[in-house]
mmCIF file of all heavy atoms, coordinates in Angstrom:
data_MODEL
# 
_entry.id   MODEL 
# 
loop_
_atom_site.group_PDB 
_atom_site.id 
_atom_site.type_symbol 
_atom_site.label_atom_id 
_atom_site.label_alt_id 
_atom_site.label_comp_id 
_atom_site.label_asym_id 
_atom_site.label_entity_id 
_atom_site.label_seq_id 
_atom_site.pdbx_PDB_ins_code 
_atom_site.Cartn_x 
_atom_site.Cartn_y 
_atom_site.Cartn_z 
_atom_site.occupancy 
_atom_site.B_iso_or_equiv 
_atom_site.pdbx_formal_charge 
_atom_site.auth_seq_id 
_atom_site.auth_comp_id 
_atom_site.auth_asym_id 
_atom_site.auth_atom_id 
_atom_site.pdbx_PDB_model_num 
ATOM 1   N N   . ALA A 1 1  ? 3.578   19.734  3.625   1.00 0.00 ? 1  ALA A N   1 
ATOM 2   C CA  . ALA A 1 1  ? 4.176   18.946  2.561   1.00 0.00 ? 1  ALA A CA  1 
ATOM 3   C C   . ALA A 1 1  ? 3.356   17.742  2.114   1.00 0.00 ? 1  ALA A C   1 
ATOM 4   O O   . ALA A 1 1  ? 3.817   16.904  1.383   1.00 0.00 ? 1  ALA A O   1 
ATOM 5   C CB  . ALA A 1 1  ? 5.546   18.448  3.036   1.00 0.00 ? 1  ALA A CB  1 
ATOM 6   N N   . GLY A 1 2  ? 2.088   17.685  2.521   1.00 0.00 ? 2  GLY A N   1 
ATOM 7   C CA  . GLY A 1 2  ? 1.233   16.583  2.133   1.00 0.00 ? 2  GLY A CA  1 
ATOM 8   C C   . GLY A 1 2  ? 0.856   16.672  0.672   1.00 0.00 ? 2  GLY A C   1 
ATOM 9   O O   . GLY A 1 2  ? 1.291   17.612  -0.025  1.00 0.00 ? 2  GLY A O   1 
ATOM 10  N N   . PRO A 1 3  ? 0.131   15.721  0.153   1.00 0.00 ? 3  PRO A N   1 
ATOM 11  C CA  . PRO A 1 3  ? -0.503  14.641  0.905   1.00 0.00 ? 3  PRO A CA  1 
ATOM 12  C C   . PRO A 1 3  ? 0.511   13.586  1.364   1.00 0.00 ? 3  PRO A C   1 
ATOM 13  O O   . PRO A 1 3  ? 1.612   13.488  0.835   1.00 0.00 ? 3  PRO A O   1 
ATOM 14  C CB  . PRO A 1 3  ? -1.471  14.058  -0.097  1.00 0.00 ? 3  PRO A CB  1 
ATOM 15  C CG  . PRO A 1 3  ? -0.913  14.343  -1.450  1.00 0.00 ? 3  PRO A CG  1 
ATOM 16  C CD  . PRO A 1 3  ? -0.167  15.658  -1.297  1.00 0.00 ? 3  PRO A CD  1 
ATOM 17  N N   . TYR A 1 4  ? 0.098   12.833  2.372   1.00 0.00 ? 4  TYR A N   1 
ATOM 18  C CA  . TYR A 1 4  ? 0.909   11.813  2.996   1.00 0.00 ? 4  TYR A CA  1 
ATOM 19  C C   . TYR A 1 4  ? 0.349   10.446  2.591   1.00 0.00 ? 4  TYR A C   1 
ATOM 20  O O   . TYR A 1 4  ? -0.831  10.294  2.338   1.00 0.00 ? 4  TYR A O   1 
ATOM 21  C CB  . TYR A 1 4  ? 0.890   11.965  4.517   1.00 0.00 ? 4  TYR A CB  1 
ATOM 22  C CG  . TYR A 1 4  ? 1.231   13.353  4.976   1.00 0.00 ? 4  TYR A CG  1 
ATOM 23  C CD1 . TYR A 1 4  ? 0.256   14.265  5.338   1.00 0.00 ? 4  TYR A CD1 1 
ATOM 24  C CD2 . TYR A 1 4  ? 2.584   13.767  5.056   1.00 0.00 ? 4  TYR A CD2 1 
ATOM 25  C CE1 . TYR A 1 4  ? 0.589   15.545  5.736   1.00 0.00 ? 4  TYR A CE1 1 
ATOM 26  C CE2 . TYR A 1 4  ? 2.915   15.040  5.450   1.00 0.00 ? 4  TYR A CE2 1 
ATOM 27  C CZ  . TYR A 1 4  ? 1.929   15.940  5.794   1.00 0.00 ? 4  TYR A CZ  1 
ATOM 28  O OH  . TYR A 1 4  ? 2.220   17.217  6.206   1.00 0.00 ? 4  TYR A OH  1 
ATOM 29  N N   . TYR A 1 5  ? 1.268   9.471   2.567   1.00 0.00 ? 5  TYR A N   1 
ATOM 30  C CA  . TYR A 1 5  ? 0.892   8.126   2.141   1.00 0.00 ? 5  TYR A CA  1 
ATOM 31  C C   . TYR A 1 5  ? 1.497   7.071   3.038   1.00 0.00 ? 5  TYR A C   1 
ATOM 32  O O   . TYR A 1 5  ? 2.521   7.305   3.643   1.00 0.00 ? 5  TYR A O   1 
ATOM 33  C CB  . TYR A 1 5  ? 1.354   7.865   0.693   1.00 0.00 ? 5  TYR A CB  1 
ATOM 34  C CG  . TYR A 1 5  ? 0.789   8.841   -0.303  1.00 0.00 ? 5  TYR A CG  1 
ATOM 35  C CD1 . TYR A 1 5  ? 1.515   9.936   -0.707  1.00 0.00 ? 5  TYR A CD1 1 
ATOM 36  C CD2 . TYR A 1 5  ? -0.475  8.620   -0.828  1.00 0.00 ? 5  TYR A CD2 1 
ATOM 37  C CE1 . TYR A 1 5  ? 0.961   10.840  -1.626  1.00 0.00 ? 5  TYR A CE1 1 
ATOM 38  C CE2 . TYR A 1 5  ? -1.008  9.520   -1.758  1.00 0.00 ? 5  TYR A CE2 1 
ATOM 39  C CZ  . TYR A 1 5  ? -0.269  10.622  -2.155  1.00 0.00 ? 5  TYR A CZ  1 
ATOM 40  O OH  . TYR A 1 5  ? -0.814  11.514  -3.040  1.00 0.00 ? 5  TYR A OH  1 
ATOM 41  N N   . SER A 1 6  ? 0.875   5.923   3.080   1.00 0.00 ? 6  SER A N   1 
ATOM 42  C CA  . SER A 1 6  ? 1.381   4.737   3.787   1.00 0.00 ? 6  SER A CA  1 
ATOM 43  C C   . SER A 1 6  ? 1.354   3.546   2.895   1.00 0.00 ? 6  SER A C   1 
ATOM 44  O O   . SER A 1 6  ? 0.571   3.475   1.920   1.00 0.00 ? 6  SER A O   1 
ATOM 45  C CB  . SER A 1 6  ? 0.535   4.487   5.039   1.00 0.00 ? 6  SER A CB  1 
ATOM 46  O OG  . SER A 1 6  ? 0.730   5.528   5.972   1.00 0.00 ? 6  SER A OG  1 
ATOM 47  N N   . TRP A 1 7  ? 2.147   2.548   3.242   1.00 0.00 ? 7  TRP A N   1 
ATOM 48  C CA  . TRP A 1 7  ? 2.198   1.323   2.454   1.00 0.00 ? 7  TRP A CA  1 
ATOM 49  C C   . TRP A 1 7  ? 1.118   0.342   2.845   1.00 0.00 ? 7  TRP A C   1 
ATOM 50  O O   . TRP A 1 7  ? 0.678   -0.449  2.026   1.00 0.00 ? 7  TRP A O   1 
ATOM 51  C CB  . TRP A 1 7  ? 3.590   0.670   2.608   1.00 0.00 ? 7  TRP A CB  1 
ATOM 52  C CG  . TRP A 1 7  ? 4.656   1.593   2.021   1.00 0.00 ? 7  TRP A CG  1 
ATOM 53  C CD1 . TRP A 1 7  ? 5.512   2.396   2.698   1.00 0.00 ? 7  TRP A CD1 1 
ATOM 54  C CD2 . TRP A 1 7  ? 4.940   1.778   0.642   1.00 0.00 ? 7  TRP A CD2 1 
ATOM 55  N NE1 . TRP A 1 7  ? 6.299   3.106   1.826   1.00 0.00 ? 7  TRP A NE1 1 
ATOM 56  C CE2 . TRP A 1 7  ? 5.996   2.759   0.578   1.00 0.00 ? 7  TRP A CE2 1 
ATOM 57  C CE3 . TRP A 1 7  ? 4.431   1.234   -0.540  1.00 0.00 ? 7  TRP A CE3 1 
ATOM 58  C CZ2 . TRP A 1 7  ? 6.492   3.188   -0.659  1.00 0.00 ? 7  TRP A CZ2 1 
ATOM 59  C CZ3 . TRP A 1 7  ? 4.970   1.683   -1.746  1.00 0.00 ? 7  TRP A CZ3 1 
ATOM 60  C CH2 . TRP A 1 7  ? 5.969   2.637   -1.782  1.00 0.00 ? 7  TRP A CH2 1 
ATOM 61  N N   . PHE A 1 8  ? 0.691   0.399   4.080   1.00 0.00 ? 8  PHE A N   1 
ATOM 62  C CA  . PHE A 1 8  ? -0.338  -0.507  4.585   1.00 0.00 ? 8  PHE A CA  1 
ATOM 63  C C   . PHE A 1 8  ? -1.397  0.295   5.343   1.00 0.00 ? 8  PHE A C   1 
ATOM 64  O O   . PHE A 1 8  ? -1.063  1.317   5.962   1.00 0.00 ? 8  PHE A O   1 
ATOM 65  C CB  . PHE A 1 8  ? 0.265   -1.574  5.531   1.00 0.00 ? 8  PHE A CB  1 
ATOM 66  C CG  . PHE A 1 8  ? 1.304   -2.454  4.857   1.00 0.00 ? 8  PHE A CG  1 
ATOM 67  C CD1 . PHE A 1 8  ? 2.642   -2.231  5.070   1.00 0.00 ? 8  PHE A CD1 1 
ATOM 68  C CD2 . PHE A 1 8  ? 0.890   -3.457  4.044   1.00 0.00 ? 8  PHE A CD2 1 
ATOM 69  C CE1 . PHE A 1 8  ? 3.584   -3.017  4.452   1.00 0.00 ? 8  PHE A CE1 1 
ATOM 70  C CE2 . PHE A 1 8  ? 1.833   -4.268  3.421   1.00 0.00 ? 8  PHE A CE2 1 
ATOM 71  C CZ  . PHE A 1 8  ? 3.170   -4.065  3.611   1.00 0.00 ? 8  PHE A CZ  1 
ATOM 72  N N   . SER A 1 9  ? -2.628  -0.207  5.347   1.00 0.00 ? 9  SER A N   1 
ATOM 73  C CA  . SER A 1 9  ? -3.687  0.443   6.123   1.00 0.00 ? 9  SER A CA  1 
ATOM 74  C C   . SER A 1 9  ? -3.518  0.091   7.583   1.00 0.00 ? 9  SER A C   1 
ATOM 75  O O   . SER A 1 9  ? -2.843  -0.879  7.958   1.00 0.00 ? 9  SER A O   1 
ATOM 76  C CB  . SER A 1 9  ? -5.046  -0.040  5.632   1.00 0.00 ? 9  SER A CB  1 
ATOM 77  O OG  . SER A 1 9  ? -5.223  -1.420  5.800   1.00 0.00 ? 9  SER A OG  1 
ATOM 78  N N   . VAL A 1 10 ? -4.152  0.855   8.406   1.00 0.00 ? 10 VAL A N   1 
ATOM 79  C CA  . VAL A 1 10 ? -4.037  0.637   9.864   1.00 0.00 ? 10 VAL A CA  1 
ATOM 80  C C   . VAL A 1 10 ? -4.666  -0.708  10.262  1.00 0.00 ? 10 VAL A C   1 
ATOM 81  O O   . VAL A 1 10 ? -4.113  -1.460  11.055  1.00 0.00 ? 10 VAL A O   1 
ATOM 82  C CB  . VAL A 1 10 ? -4.715  1.769   10.649  1.00 0.00 ? 10 VAL A CB  1 
ATOM 83  C CG1 . VAL A 1 10 ? -4.737  1.491   12.132  1.00 0.00 ? 10 VAL A CG1 1 
ATOM 84  C CG2 . VAL A 1 10 ? -4.014  3.063   10.381  1.00 0.00 ? 10 VAL A CG2 1 
ATOM 85  N N   . SER A 1 11 ? -5.794  -1.060  9.617   1.00 0.00 ? 11 SER A N   1 
ATOM 86  C CA  . SER A 1 11 ? -6.516  -2.271  10.042  1.00 0.00 ? 11 SER A CA  1 
ATOM 87  C C   . SER A 1 11 ? -5.837  -3.536  9.572   1.00 0.00 ? 11 SER A C   1 
ATOM 88  O O   . SER A 1 11 ? -5.912  -4.559  10.241  1.00 0.00 ? 11 SER A O   1 
ATOM 89  C CB  . SER A 1 11 ? -7.944  -2.239  9.451   1.00 0.00 ? 11 SER A CB  1 
ATOM 90  O OG  . SER A 1 11 ? -7.898  -2.407  8.045   1.00 0.00 ? 11 SER A OG  1 
ATOM 91  N N   . GLY A 1 12 ? -5.172  -3.523  8.446   1.00 0.00 ? 12 GLY A N   1 
ATOM 92  C CA  . GLY A 1 12 ? -4.517  -4.726  7.961   1.00 0.00 ? 12 GLY A CA  1 
ATOM 93  C C   . GLY A 1 12 ? -5.483  -5.759  7.341   1.00 0.00 ? 12 GLY A C   1 
ATOM 94  O O   . GLY A 1 12 ? -5.090  -6.843  6.990   1.00 0.00 ? 12 GLY A O   1 
ATOM 95  N N   . ARG A 1 13 ? -6.748  -5.365  7.206   1.00 0.00 ? 13 ARG A N   1 
ATOM 96  C CA  . ARG A 1 13 ? -7.746  -6.302  6.661   1.00 0.00 ? 13 ARG A CA  1 
ATOM 97  C C   . ARG A 1 13 ? -7.482  -6.634  5.225   1.00 0.00 ? 13 ARG A C   1 
ATOM 98  O O   . ARG A 1 13 ? -7.822  -7.706  4.733   1.00 0.00 ? 13 ARG A O   1 
ATOM 99  C CB  . ARG A 1 13 ? -9.148  -5.703  6.790   1.00 0.00 ? 13 ARG A CB  1 
ATOM 100 C CG  . ARG A 1 13 ? -9.618  -5.580  8.204   1.00 0.00 ? 13 ARG A CG  1 
ATOM 101 C CD  . ARG A 1 13 ? -11.020 -4.994  8.256   1.00 0.00 ? 13 ARG A CD  1 
ATOM 102 N NE  . ARG A 1 13 ? -11.357 -4.664  9.630   1.00 0.00 ? 13 ARG A NE  1 
ATOM 103 C CZ  . ARG A 1 13 ? -12.351 -3.959  9.969   1.00 0.00 ? 13 ARG A CZ  1 
ATOM 104 N NH1 . ARG A 1 13 ? -13.194 -3.499  9.042   1.00 0.00 ? 13 ARG A NH1 1 
ATOM 105 N NH2 . ARG A 1 13 ? -12.583 -3.663  11.221  1.00 0.00 ? 13 ARG A NH2 1 
ATOM 106 N N   . ARG A 1 14 ? -6.865  -5.718  4.479   1.00 0.00 ? 14 ARG A N   1 
ATOM 107 C CA  . ARG A 1 14 ? -6.611  -5.897  3.068   1.00 0.00 ? 14 ARG A CA  1 
ATOM 108 C C   . ARG A 1 14 ? -5.151  -6.187  2.814   1.00 0.00 ? 14 ARG A C   1 
ATOM 109 O O   . ARG A 1 14 ? -4.643  -5.891  1.745   1.00 0.00 ? 14 ARG A O   1 
ATOM 110 C CB  . ARG A 1 14 ? -7.027  -4.633  2.308   1.00 0.00 ? 14 ARG A CB  1 
ATOM 111 C CG  . ARG A 1 14 ? -8.468  -4.319  2.304   1.00 0.00 ? 14 ARG A CG  1 
ATOM 112 C CD  . ARG A 1 14 ? -8.799  -3.140  1.357   1.00 0.00 ? 14 ARG A CD  1 
ATOM 113 N NE  . ARG A 1 14 ? -8.266  -3.366  0.031   1.00 0.00 ? 14 ARG A NE  1 
ATOM 114 C CZ  . ARG A 1 14 ? -7.314  -2.612  -0.547  1.00 0.00 ? 14 ARG A CZ  1 
ATOM 115 N NH1 . ARG A 1 14 ? -6.777  -1.614  0.082   1.00 0.00 ? 14 ARG A NH1 1 
ATOM 116 N NH2 . ARG A 1 14 ? -6.888  -2.874  -1.765  1.00 0.00 ? 14 ARG A NH2 1 
ATOM 117 N N   . ARG A 1 15 ? -4.453  -6.779  3.745   1.00 0.00 ? 15 ARG A N   1 
ATOM 118 C CA  . ARG A 1 15 ? -3.004  -6.905  3.647   1.00 0.00 ? 15 ARG A CA  1 
ATOM 119 C C   . ARG A 1 15 ? -2.561  -7.568  2.328   1.00 0.00 ? 15 ARG A C   1 
ATOM 120 O O   . ARG A 1 15 ? -1.617  -7.092  1.708   1.00 0.00 ? 15 ARG A O   1 
ATOM 121 C CB  . ARG A 1 15 ? -2.518  -7.714  4.849   1.00 0.00 ? 15 ARG A CB  1 
ATOM 122 C CG  . ARG A 1 15 ? -0.988  -7.725  5.067   1.00 0.00 ? 15 ARG A CG  1 
ATOM 123 C CD  . ARG A 1 15 ? -0.340  -6.355  5.262   1.00 0.00 ? 15 ARG A CD  1 
ATOM 124 N NE  . ARG A 1 15 ? -1.057  -5.415  6.102   1.00 0.00 ? 15 ARG A NE  1 
ATOM 125 C CZ  . ARG A 1 15 ? -0.715  -5.033  7.310   1.00 0.00 ? 15 ARG A CZ  1 
ATOM 126 N NH1 . ARG A 1 15 ? 0.323   -5.550  7.902   1.00 0.00 ? 15 ARG A NH1 1 
ATOM 127 N NH2 . ARG A 1 15 ? -1.399  -4.136  7.980   1.00 0.00 ? 15 ARG A NH2 1 
ATOM 128 N N   . LYS A 1 16 ? -3.200  -8.656  1.891   1.00 0.00 ? 16 LYS A N   1 
ATOM 129 C CA  . LYS A 1 16 ? -2.756  -9.291  0.665   1.00 0.00 ? 16 LYS A CA  1 
ATOM 130 C C   . LYS A 1 16 ? -2.932  -8.379  -0.565  1.00 0.00 ? 16 LYS A C   1 
ATOM 131 O O   . LYS A 1 16 ? -2.058  -8.311  -1.391  1.00 0.00 ? 16 LYS A O   1 
ATOM 132 C CB  . LYS A 1 16 ? -3.545  -10.590 0.425   1.00 0.00 ? 16 LYS A CB  1 
ATOM 133 C CG  . LYS A 1 16 ? -3.120  -11.710 1.356   1.00 0.00 ? 16 LYS A CG  1 
ATOM 134 C CD  . LYS A 1 16 ? -3.837  -13.006 1.035   1.00 0.00 ? 16 LYS A CD  1 
ATOM 135 C CE  . LYS A 1 16 ? -3.371  -14.108 1.957   1.00 0.00 ? 16 LYS A CE  1 
ATOM 136 N NZ  . LYS A 1 16 ? -4.059  -15.364 1.669   1.00 0.00 ? 16 LYS A NZ  1 
ATOM 137 N N   . GLU A 1 17 ? -4.065  -7.649  -0.586  1.00 0.00 ? 17 GLU A N   1 
ATOM 138 C CA  . GLU A 1 17 ? -4.288  -6.706  -1.709  1.00 0.00 ? 17 GLU A CA  1 
ATOM 139 C C   . GLU A 1 17 ? -3.273  -5.577  -1.654  1.00 0.00 ? 17 GLU A C   1 
ATOM 140 O O   . GLU A 1 17 ? -2.776  -5.104  -2.676  1.00 0.00 ? 17 GLU A O   1 
ATOM 141 C CB  . GLU A 1 17 ? -5.704  -6.144  -1.659  1.00 0.00 ? 17 GLU A CB  1 
ATOM 142 C CG  . GLU A 1 17 ? -6.755  -7.159  -1.965  1.00 0.00 ? 17 GLU A CG  1 
ATOM 143 C CD  . GLU A 1 17 ? -7.258  -7.916  -0.705  1.00 0.00 ? 17 GLU A CD  1 
ATOM 144 O OE1 . GLU A 1 17 ? -6.693  -7.678  0.383   1.00 0.00 ? 17 GLU A OE1 1 
ATOM 145 O OE2 . GLU A 1 17 ? -8.170  -8.741  -0.830  1.00 0.00 ? 17 GLU A OE2 1 
ATOM 146 N N   . GLU A 1 18 ? -2.954  -5.098  -0.456  1.00 0.00 ? 18 GLU A N   1 
ATOM 147 C CA  . GLU A 1 18 ? -1.989  -4.026  -0.274  1.00 0.00 ? 18 GLU A CA  1 
ATOM 148 C C   . GLU A 1 18 ? -0.592  -4.468  -0.749  1.00 0.00 ? 18 GLU A C   1 
ATOM 149 O O   . GLU A 1 18 ? 0.117   -3.688  -1.408  1.00 0.00 ? 18 GLU A O   1 
ATOM 150 C CB  . GLU A 1 18 ? -1.982  -3.533  1.175   1.00 0.00 ? 18 GLU A CB  1 
ATOM 151 C CG  . GLU A 1 18 ? -3.243  -2.828  1.542   1.00 0.00 ? 18 GLU A CG  1 
ATOM 152 C CD  . GLU A 1 18 ? -3.384  -2.566  3.020   1.00 0.00 ? 18 GLU A CD  1 
ATOM 153 O OE1 . GLU A 1 18 ? -2.574  -3.063  3.833   1.00 0.00 ? 18 GLU A OE1 1 
ATOM 154 O OE2 . GLU A 1 18 ? -4.332  -1.836  3.403   1.00 0.00 ? 18 GLU A OE2 1 
ATOM 155 N N   . ILE A 1 19 ? -0.212  -5.667  -0.421  1.00 0.00 ? 19 ILE A N   1 
ATOM 156 C CA  . ILE A 1 19 ? 1.086   -6.176  -0.869  1.00 0.00 ? 19 ILE A CA  1 
ATOM 157 C C   . ILE A 1 19 ? 1.094   -6.254  -2.383  1.00 0.00 ? 19 ILE A C   1 
ATOM 158 O O   . ILE A 1 19 ? 2.104   -5.887  -2.997  1.00 0.00 ? 19 ILE A O   1 
ATOM 159 C CB  . ILE A 1 19 ? 1.385   -7.537  -0.197  1.00 0.00 ? 19 ILE A CB  1 
ATOM 160 C CG1 . ILE A 1 19 ? 1.665   -7.345  1.286   1.00 0.00 ? 19 ILE A CG1 1 
ATOM 161 C CG2 . ILE A 1 19 ? 2.565   -8.218  -0.893  1.00 0.00 ? 19 ILE A CG2 1 
ATOM 162 C CD1 . ILE A 1 19 ? 1.738   -8.621  2.073   1.00 0.00 ? 19 ILE A CD1 1 
ATOM 163 N N   . THR A 1 20 ? 0.033   -6.688  -2.998  1.00 0.00 ? 20 THR A N   1 
ATOM 164 C CA  . THR A 1 20 ? -0.070  -6.728  -4.454  1.00 0.00 ? 20 THR A CA  1 
ATOM 165 C C   . THR A 1 20 ? 0.061   -5.324  -5.019  1.00 0.00 ? 20 THR A C   1 
ATOM 166 O O   . THR A 1 20 ? 0.758   -5.101  -6.035  1.00 0.00 ? 20 THR A O   1 
ATOM 167 C CB  . THR A 1 20 ? -1.360  -7.389  -4.905  1.00 0.00 ? 20 THR A CB  1 
ATOM 168 O OG1 . THR A 1 20 ? -1.405  -8.723  -4.418  1.00 0.00 ? 20 THR A OG1 1 
ATOM 169 C CG2 . THR A 1 20 ? -1.519  -7.377  -6.425  1.00 0.00 ? 20 THR A CG2 1 
ATOM 170 N N   . ASP A 1 21 ? -0.606  -4.354  -4.399  1.00 0.00 ? 21 ASP A N   1 
ATOM 171 C CA  . ASP A 1 21 ? -0.500  -2.942  -4.869  1.00 0.00 ? 21 ASP A CA  1 
ATOM 172 C C   . ASP A 1 21 ? 0.940   -2.452  -4.803  1.00 0.00 ? 21 ASP A C   1 
ATOM 173 O O   . ASP A 1 21 ? 1.404   -1.776  -5.699  1.00 0.00 ? 21 ASP A O   1 
ATOM 174 C CB  . ASP A 1 21 ? -1.392  -2.035  -3.999  1.00 0.00 ? 21 ASP A CB  1 
ATOM 175 C CG  . ASP A 1 21 ? -2.879  -2.283  -4.248  1.00 0.00 ? 21 ASP A CG  1 
ATOM 176 O OD1 . ASP A 1 21 ? -3.247  -2.914  -5.241  1.00 0.00 ? 21 ASP A OD1 1 
ATOM 177 O OD2 . ASP A 1 21 ? -3.682  -1.790  -3.397  1.00 0.00 ? 21 ASP A OD2 1 
ATOM 178 N N   . ILE A 1 22 ? 1.637   -2.778  -3.708  1.00 0.00 ? 22 ILE A N   1 
ATOM 179 C CA  . ILE A 1 22 ? 3.048   -2.365  -3.567  1.00 0.00 ? 22 ILE A CA  1 
ATOM 180 C C   . ILE A 1 22 ? 3.902   -3.002  -4.656  1.00 0.00 ? 22 ILE A C   1 
ATOM 181 O O   . ILE A 1 22 ? 4.721   -2.363  -5.279  1.00 0.00 ? 22 ILE A O   1 
ATOM 182 C CB  . ILE A 1 22 ? 3.559   -2.718  -2.161  1.00 0.00 ? 22 ILE A CB  1 
ATOM 183 C CG1 . ILE A 1 22 ? 2.848   -1.885  -1.116  1.00 0.00 ? 22 ILE A CG1 1 
ATOM 184 C CG2 . ILE A 1 22 ? 5.081   -2.521  -2.073  1.00 0.00 ? 22 ILE A CG2 1 
ATOM 185 C CD1 . ILE A 1 22 ? 3.032   -2.368  0.280   1.00 0.00 ? 22 ILE A CD1 1 
ATOM 186 N N   . GLN A 1 23 ? 3.699   -4.286  -4.867  1.00 0.00 ? 23 GLN A N   1 
ATOM 187 C CA  . GLN A 1 23 ? 4.454   -4.990  -5.911  1.00 0.00 ? 23 GLN A CA  1 
ATOM 188 C C   . GLN A 1 23 ? 4.198   -4.327  -7.279  1.00 0.00 ? 23 GLN A C   1 
ATOM 189 O O   . GLN A 1 23 ? 5.116   -4.159  -8.062  1.00 0.00 ? 23 GLN A O   1 
ATOM 190 C CB  . GLN A 1 23 ? 4.086   -6.454  -5.938  1.00 0.00 ? 23 GLN A CB  1 
ATOM 191 C CG  . GLN A 1 23 ? 4.589   -7.206  -4.747  1.00 0.00 ? 23 GLN A CG  1 
ATOM 192 C CD  . GLN A 1 23 ? 4.018   -8.609  -4.660  1.00 0.00 ? 23 GLN A CD  1 
ATOM 193 O OE1 . GLN A 1 23 ? 2.917   -8.914  -5.141  1.00 0.00 ? 23 GLN A OE1 1 
ATOM 194 N NE2 . GLN A 1 23 ? 4.743   -9.497  -3.998  1.00 0.00 ? 23 GLN A NE2 1 
ATOM 195 N N   . ASP A 1 24 ? 2.937   -3.962  -7.541  1.00 0.00 ? 24 ASP A N   1 
ATOM 196 C CA  . ASP A 1 24 ? 2.607   -3.304  -8.813  1.00 0.00 ? 24 ASP A CA  1 
ATOM 197 C C   . ASP A 1 24 ? 3.317   -1.947  -8.946  1.00 0.00 ? 24 ASP A C   1 
ATOM 198 O O   . ASP A 1 24 ? 3.800   -1.601  -10.018 1.00 0.00 ? 24 ASP A O   1 
ATOM 199 C CB  . ASP A 1 24 ? 1.085   -3.124  -8.931  1.00 0.00 ? 24 ASP A CB  1 
ATOM 200 C CG  . ASP A 1 24 ? 0.347   -4.444  -9.115  1.00 0.00 ? 24 ASP A CG  1 
ATOM 201 O OD1 . ASP A 1 24 ? 0.974   -5.475  -9.472  1.00 0.00 ? 24 ASP A OD1 1 
ATOM 202 O OD2 . ASP A 1 24 ? -0.879  -4.422  -8.955  1.00 0.00 ? 24 ASP A OD2 1 
ATOM 203 N N   . LEU A 1 25 ? 3.352   -1.175  -7.837  1.00 0.00 ? 25 LEU A N   1 
ATOM 204 C CA  . LEU A 1 25 ? 4.040   0.104   -7.886  1.00 0.00 ? 25 LEU A CA  1 
ATOM 205 C C   . LEU A 1 25 ? 5.522   -0.050  -8.134  1.00 0.00 ? 25 LEU A C   1 
ATOM 206 O O   . LEU A 1 25 ? 6.113   0.691   -8.935  1.00 0.00 ? 25 LEU A O   1 
ATOM 207 C CB  . LEU A 1 25 ? 3.864   0.851   -6.567  1.00 0.00 ? 25 LEU A CB  1 
ATOM 208 C CG  . LEU A 1 25 ? 2.538   1.569   -6.380  1.00 0.00 ? 25 LEU A CG  1 
ATOM 209 C CD1 . LEU A 1 25 ? 2.392   2.066   -4.952  1.00 0.00 ? 25 LEU A CD1 1 
ATOM 210 C CD2 . LEU A 1 25 ? 2.457   2.741   -7.319  1.00 0.00 ? 25 LEU A CD2 1 
ATOM 211 N N   . VAL A 1 26 ? 6.146   -0.983  -7.477  1.00 0.00 ? 26 VAL A N   1 
ATOM 212 C CA  . VAL A 1 26 ? 7.582   -1.228  -7.639  1.00 0.00 ? 26 VAL A CA  1 
ATOM 213 C C   . VAL A 1 26 ? 7.850   -1.695  -9.097  1.00 0.00 ? 26 VAL A C   1 
ATOM 214 O O   . VAL A 1 26 ? 8.765   -1.214  -9.770  1.00 0.00 ? 26 VAL A O   1 
ATOM 215 C CB  . VAL A 1 26 ? 8.129   -2.235  -6.628  1.00 0.00 ? 26 VAL A CB  1 
ATOM 216 C CG1 . VAL A 1 26 ? 9.555   -2.662  -6.950  1.00 0.00 ? 26 VAL A CG1 1 
ATOM 217 C CG2 . VAL A 1 26 ? 8.053   -1.651  -5.227  1.00 0.00 ? 26 VAL A CG2 1 
ATOM 218 N N   . ARG A 1 27 ? 6.995   -2.605  -9.584  1.00 0.00 ? 27 ARG A N   1 
ATOM 219 C CA  . ARG A 1 27 ? 7.128   -3.083  -10.962 1.00 0.00 ? 27 ARG A CA  1 
ATOM 220 C C   . ARG A 1 27 ? 7.010   -1.944  -11.937 1.00 0.00 ? 27 ARG A C   1 
ATOM 221 O O   . ARG A 1 27 ? 7.773   -1.813  -12.927 1.00 0.00 ? 27 ARG A O   1 
ATOM 222 C CB  . ARG A 1 27 ? 6.120   -4.194  -11.228 1.00 0.00 ? 27 ARG A CB  1 
ATOM 223 C CG  . ARG A 1 27 ? 6.381   -4.974  -12.522 1.00 0.00 ? 27 ARG A CG  1 
ATOM 224 C CD  . ARG A 1 27 ? 5.427   -6.162  -12.638 1.00 0.00 ? 27 ARG A CD  1 
ATOM 225 N NE  . ARG A 1 27 ? 5.617   -7.110  -11.549 1.00 0.00 ? 27 ARG A NE  1 
ATOM 226 C CZ  . ARG A 1 27 ? 4.684   -7.408  -10.607 1.00 0.00 ? 27 ARG A CZ  1 
ATOM 227 N NH1 . ARG A 1 27 ? 3.509   -6.840  -10.654 1.00 0.00 ? 27 ARG A NH1 1 
ATOM 228 N NH2 . ARG A 1 27 ? 4.941   -8.294  -9.665  1.00 0.00 ? 27 ARG A NH2 1 
ATOM 229 N N   . ALA A 1 28 ? 6.034   -1.043  -11.734 1.00 0.00 ? 28 ALA A N   1 
ATOM 230 C CA  . ALA A 1 28 ? 5.831   0.093   -12.642 1.00 0.00 ? 28 ALA A CA  1 
ATOM 231 C C   . ALA A 1 28 ? 7.024   1.050   -12.600 1.00 0.00 ? 28 ALA A C   1 
ATOM 232 O O   . ALA A 1 28 ? 7.412   1.589   -13.616 1.00 0.00 ? 28 ALA A O   1 
ATOM 233 C CB  . ALA A 1 28 ? 4.542   0.855   -12.254 1.00 0.00 ? 28 ALA A CB  1 
# 
């Protein structure tokens, strides 16, 4: 049933950018 997706990367190094990406997806 893939592809599979996650909201955050494992490392968390890009956490602020990832949160912005999530906000953009929800807004869209």
